Amino acid sequence: MIRNVTRVATRLGHTHGLAQKALASEGVKSFGTTSSPKMFDLLPDLSKLPLPNLAKGPLSILNGAPEQVDPDRPLSEKEKADIIDSIIRVNHAGEFGARRIYAGQLDVLKNTAVGPVIEKMSEQEKEHLETFDNMIVEYGVRPSIMQPVWNVAGYALGFTSAALGKEAAMACTVAIETEIGEHYNSQLRTLLHPSFKDQHPELIESIKKFRDDELHHLDVGIEHQAKSAPLYDVLTFAVRSGTKAAIWLA
């Protein structure tokens, strides 16, 4: 464990400089500073903590938390409109972030053995994003005001995870797709609410297809040694928690 921690801390120090240069080429001056390696002394304990359910709370109906919708209570037209608005906005933001993550990973790993694998997943995310781009217009939904943040944070996450090694890049994919698969399933449960009977078939079919794509990406990550990444449990905990937070903020 100590050897792994030291290895990751050393890589992160090098990666921070590389990521700043890459972000500068993307038109971003900086994305922050790297903390002292001493912080990694605390990381192993994080894997034992429960993942925070940031999607729950009084605003859950507006933040893509379908499990909060009572199936026995009829939804008003405003509630239904708010739910559809939220689903499209959050999914659009998520697919935009996914494209940025893969852009960062490809800048590091494009010419390696896993480059074509990442490119294929990125192309699928492009299809997802284009679909929600169209729905944003069709349904008149306001895009997430956090879009500039996802632009920078997504690229930084992708670049940094890839700079730590292809296994870490795949671990990042596994963590994100685990959350997104659950998130899409929750949305589908909401759209099966009796108040939505026979409504929004195109949205439902799109979410089903994209969920299956994301879960396939999870399998691809596992097949490409994601679990061999240094501090796999800690890395995936951090990324899954960040994904939950991003869903809630979008």
Protein backbone atom coordinates (compact mmCIF):
# COMPACT_ATOMS: atom_id res chain seq x y z
CA MET A 1 0.00 0.00 0.00
CA ILE A 2 2.76 2.48 0.91
CA ARG A 3 4.53 1.71 -2.35
CA ASN A 4 1.31 2.38 -4.29
CA VAL A 5 0.65 5.63 -2.43
CA THR A 6 4.17 6.89 -3.12
CA ARG A 7 3.85 5.88 -6.74
CA VAL A 8 0.58 7.79 -7.18
CA ALA A 9 1.87 10.87 -5.34
CA THR A 10 4.95 10.99 -7.59
CA ARG A 11 2.84 10.59 -10.71
CA LEU A 12 0.43 13.29 -9.60
CA GLY A 13 3.22 15.79 -9.10
CA HIS A 14 4.37 15.17 -12.69
CA THR A 15 0.81 14.99 -14.00
CA HIS A 16 -0.16 18.39 -12.58
CA GLY A 17 2.45 20.12 -14.71
CA LEU A 18 1.44 18.19 -17.82
CA ALA A 19 -2.25 18.87 -17.25
CA GLN A 20 -1.66 22.61 -16.82
CA LYS A 21 0.16 22.70 -20.18
CA ALA A 22 -2.63 20.71 -21.84
CA LEU A 23 -5.33 22.96 -20.38
CA ALA A 24 -3.39 26.02 -21.50
CA SER A 25 -3.54 24.67 -25.06
CA GLU A 26 -7.31 24.41 -24.60
CA GLY A 27 -7.49 28.09 -23.66
CA VAL A 28 -7.54 27.57 -19.89
CA LYS A 29 -4.89 29.25 -17.75
CA SER A 30 -4.94 26.97 -14.72
CA PHE A 31 -7.09 24.49 -12.88
CA GLY A 32 -5.63 24.76 -9.41
CA THR A 33 -2.64 23.54 -7.45
CA THR A 34 -1.56 20.13 -6.24
CA SER A 35 -1.72 19.46 -2.51
CA SER A 36 1.21 18.06 -0.58
CA PRO A 37 1.73 14.30 -1.01
CA LYS A 38 1.01 14.00 2.72
CA MET A 39 -2.68 14.10 1.90
CA PHE A 40 -2.42 10.58 0.48
CA ASP A 41 -1.87 9.25 4.01
CA LEU A 42 -5.62 9.70 4.44
CA LEU A 43 -6.76 8.22 1.14
CA PRO A 44 -7.01 4.51 2.01
CA ASP A 45 -9.62 5.24 4.68
CA LEU A 46 -11.84 6.97 2.12
CA SER A 47 -12.64 3.71 0.40
CA LYS A 48 -14.44 2.57 3.56
CA LEU A 49 -16.81 5.54 3.59
CA PRO A 50 -20.33 5.26 2.13
CA LEU A 51 -20.91 7.17 -1.09
CA PRO A 52 -22.93 10.35 -0.40
CA ASN A 53 -26.36 10.38 -2.02
CA LEU A 54 -26.26 13.97 -3.17
CA ALA A 55 -29.24 13.44 -5.45
CA LYS A 56 -31.63 13.21 -2.50
CA GLY A 57 -33.24 16.15 -0.79
CA PRO A 58 -36.01 18.72 -1.28
CA LEU A 59 -34.81 19.57 -4.80
CA SER A 60 -34.46 15.94 -5.88
CA ILE A 61 -37.33 16.14 -8.35
CA LEU A 62 -35.39 18.86 -10.18
CA ASN A 63 -32.05 17.11 -10.03
CA GLY A 64 -32.66 13.76 -11.66
CA ALA A 65 -33.49 11.69 -8.57
CA PRO A 66 -36.48 9.68 -9.82
CA GLU A 67 -36.48 7.33 -6.86
CA GLN A 68 -38.07 10.17 -4.89
CA VAL A 69 -41.19 10.24 -7.09
CA ASP A 70 -44.12 8.49 -5.41
CA PRO A 71 -45.63 6.10 -7.98
CA ASP A 72 -48.99 6.24 -6.22
CA ARG A 73 -49.33 10.01 -6.36
CA PRO A 74 -50.48 11.61 -9.61
CA LEU A 75 -48.06 14.23 -10.91
CA SER A 76 -49.24 17.68 -11.91
CA GLU A 77 -48.47 19.02 -15.36
CA LYS A 78 -45.89 21.37 -13.87
CA GLU A 79 -44.18 18.52 -12.01
CA LYS A 80 -44.03 16.47 -15.19
CA ALA A 81 -42.63 19.39 -17.15
CA ASP A 82 -40.01 20.03 -14.44
CA ILE A 83 -38.95 16.39 -14.48
CA ILE A 84 -38.56 16.28 -18.26
CA ASP A 85 -36.68 19.58 -18.18
CA SER A 86 -34.32 18.22 -15.52
CA ILE A 87 -33.72 14.89 -17.25
CA ILE A 88 -32.76 16.53 -20.53
CA ARG A 89 -30.60 19.23 -18.94
CA VAL A 90 -28.71 16.83 -16.65
CA ASN A 91 -28.18 14.24 -19.39
CA HIS A 92 -27.01 16.88 -21.84
CA ALA A 93 -24.49 18.16 -19.29
CA GLY A 94 -23.35 14.62 -18.49
CA GLU A 95 -22.75 13.67 -22.10
CA PHE A 96 -20.89 16.94 -22.68
CA GLY A 97 -18.69 16.17 -19.69
CA ALA A 98 -18.07 12.64 -20.97
CA ARG A 99 -16.82 13.97 -24.29
CA ARG A 100 -14.43 16.30 -22.48
CA ILE A 101 -13.13 13.46 -20.29
CA TYR A 102 -12.37 11.33 -23.33
CA ALA A 103 -10.76 14.34 -25.06
CA GLY A 104 -8.35 14.62 -22.14
CA GLN A 105 -7.62 10.90 -22.13
CA LEU A 106 -7.01 10.81 -25.87
CA ASP A 107 -4.48 13.64 -25.66
CA VAL A 108 -2.40 11.28 -23.52
CA LEU A 109 -3.28 7.80 -24.78
CA LYS A 110 -4.33 8.24 -28.41
CA ASN A 111 -1.21 6.58 -29.80
CA THR A 112 -1.22 3.66 -27.36
CA ALA A 113 -2.89 0.26 -27.53
CA VAL A 114 -6.01 1.57 -25.74
CA GLY A 115 -6.29 4.65 -27.96
CA PRO A 116 -8.76 3.07 -30.43
CA VAL A 117 -10.84 1.72 -27.53
CA ILE A 118 -11.17 5.18 -25.99
CA GLU A 119 -11.91 6.73 -29.40
CA LYS A 120 -14.76 4.29 -29.97
CA MET A 121 -16.31 5.11 -26.59
CA SER A 122 -15.87 8.81 -27.30
CA GLU A 123 -17.71 8.46 -30.61
CA GLN A 124 -20.64 6.83 -28.82
CA GLU A 125 -20.70 9.72 -26.35
CA LYS A 126 -20.75 12.09 -29.33
CA GLU A 127 -23.93 10.39 -30.56
CA HIS A 128 -25.45 10.73 -27.08
CA LEU A 129 -24.54 14.41 -26.89
CA GLU A 130 -25.95 15.17 -30.34
CA THR A 131 -29.24 13.54 -29.34
CA PHE A 132 -29.56 15.68 -26.22
CA ASP A 133 -28.41 18.76 -28.17
CA ASN A 134 -31.47 18.23 -30.36
CA MET A 135 -33.74 17.63 -27.37
CA ILE A 136 -32.52 20.82 -25.68
CA VAL A 137 -33.87 22.71 -28.70
CA GLU A 138 -36.98 20.58 -29.22
CA TYR A 139 -38.14 20.84 -25.60
CA GLY A 140 -36.88 24.39 -25.04
CA VAL A 141 -34.68 23.35 -22.11
CA ARG A 142 -32.08 25.69 -20.62
CA PRO A 143 -28.63 24.06 -20.70
CA SER A 144 -26.79 23.72 -17.41
CA ILE A 145 -25.19 26.96 -16.22
CA MET A 146 -22.29 24.75 -15.06
CA GLN A 147 -21.29 23.96 -18.65
CA PRO A 148 -18.03 26.02 -18.49
CA VAL A 149 -17.06 24.10 -15.35
CA TRP A 150 -17.71 20.72 -16.97
CA ASN A 151 -15.65 21.86 -19.95
CA VAL A 152 -12.55 22.39 -17.80
CA ALA A 153 -13.15 19.78 -15.08
CA GLY A 154 -14.01 17.03 -17.55
CA TYR A 155 -10.88 17.56 -19.59
CA ALA A 156 -8.71 17.83 -16.47
CA LEU A 157 -10.12 14.57 -15.07
CA GLY A 158 -9.57 12.76 -18.35
CA PHE A 159 -6.04 14.05 -18.83
CA THR A 160 -4.99 13.44 -15.24
CA SER A 161 -6.42 9.91 -15.06
CA ALA A 162 -4.73 8.99 -18.35
CA ALA A 163 -1.40 10.47 -17.22
CA LEU A 164 -1.54 8.12 -14.24
CA GLY A 165 -1.68 5.20 -16.67
CA LYS A 166 -4.14 3.41 -18.92
CA GLU A 167 -5.41 1.41 -15.94
CA ALA A 168 -6.30 4.61 -14.09
CA ALA A 169 -8.03 5.95 -17.21
CA MET A 170 -10.12 2.79 -17.37
CA ALA A 171 -10.82 2.95 -13.63
CA CYS A 172 -12.16 6.46 -14.21
CA THR A 173 -14.47 5.09 -16.90
CA VAL A 174 -15.67 2.27 -14.63
CA ALA A 175 -16.47 4.70 -11.80
CA ILE A 176 -18.35 7.16 -13.99
CA GLU A 177 -20.32 4.55 -15.91
CA THR A 178 -21.35 2.80 -12.69
CA GLU A 179 -23.04 6.01 -11.55
CA ILE A 180 -24.44 6.93 -14.95
CA GLY A 181 -25.94 3.47 -15.44
CA GLU A 182 -27.76 3.79 -12.10
CA HIS A 183 -28.76 7.36 -12.94
CA TYR A 184 -30.29 6.38 -16.28
CA ASN A 185 -32.16 3.50 -14.64
CA SER A 186 -33.61 5.92 -12.09
CA GLN A 187 -34.79 8.20 -14.86
CA LEU A 188 -36.44 5.29 -16.64
CA ARG A 189 -38.30 4.36 -13.45
CA THR A 190 -39.64 7.90 -13.28
CA LEU A 191 -40.75 7.89 -16.91
CA LEU A 192 -42.70 4.70 -16.20
CA HIS A 193 -44.78 6.60 -13.64
CA PRO A 194 -48.52 6.28 -14.50
CA SER A 195 -48.72 10.05 -15.05
CA PHE A 196 -46.32 9.68 -17.98
CA LYS A 197 -48.30 6.88 -19.64
CA ASP A 198 -47.43 6.65 -23.36
CA GLN A 199 -45.57 9.97 -23.24
CA HIS A 200 -42.03 10.78 -24.43
CA PRO A 201 -41.30 7.43 -26.19
CA GLU A 202 -38.28 8.89 -28.03
CA LEU A 203 -36.73 10.08 -24.77
CA ILE A 204 -37.33 6.71 -23.11
CA GLU A 205 -35.79 4.75 -25.98
CA SER A 206 -32.79 7.08 -26.11
CA ILE A 207 -32.13 6.69 -22.40
CA LYS A 208 -32.42 2.90 -22.66
CA LYS A 209 -29.92 2.76 -25.51
CA PHE A 210 -27.49 5.17 -23.88
CA ARG A 211 -27.69 3.30 -20.58
CA ASP A 212 -26.73 0.10 -22.37
CA ASP A 213 -23.85 1.90 -24.08
CA GLU A 214 -22.58 3.27 -20.76
CA LEU A 215 -22.76 -0.14 -19.10
CA HIS A 216 -20.83 -1.58 -22.04
CA HIS A 217 -18.15 1.07 -21.42
CA LEU A 218 -18.02 -0.13 -17.81
CA ASP A 219 -17.38 -3.68 -19.03
CA VAL A 220 -14.71 -2.42 -21.42
CA GLY A 221 -12.95 -0.67 -18.54
CA ILE A 222 -12.91 -3.85 -16.48
CA GLU A 223 -11.63 -5.85 -19.46
CA HIS A 224 -8.74 -3.39 -19.85
CA GLN A 225 -7.36 -3.85 -16.33
CA ALA A 226 -9.15 -0.98 -14.57
CA LYS A 227 -8.85 -2.83 -11.27
CA SER A 228 -5.07 -2.90 -11.63
CA ALA A 229 -4.92 0.88 -11.25
CA PRO A 230 -2.98 2.08 -8.18
CA LEU A 231 -5.40 2.76 -5.30
CA TYR A 232 -8.32 1.56 -7.41
CA ASP A 233 -10.85 1.74 -4.55
CA VAL A 234 -9.82 5.26 -3.62
CA LEU A 235 -9.77 6.49 -7.20
CA THR A 236 -13.18 5.07 -8.04
CA PHE A 237 -14.65 6.37 -4.76
CA ALA A 238 -13.47 9.89 -5.58
CA VAL A 239 -14.70 9.78 -9.18
CA ARG A 240 -18.07 8.26 -8.28
CA SER A 241 -18.61 10.89 -5.58
CA GLY A 242 -17.66 13.63 -8.03
CA THR A 243 -20.08 12.21 -10.60
CA LYS A 244 -22.90 12.24 -8.04
CA ALA A 245 -22.08 15.84 -7.18
CA ALA A 246 -22.01 16.80 -10.88
CA ILE A 247 -25.45 15.22 -11.43
CA TRP A 248 -26.83 17.14 -8.46
CA LEU A 249 -25.31 20.46 -9.56
CA ALA A 250 -26.38 20.19 -13.19
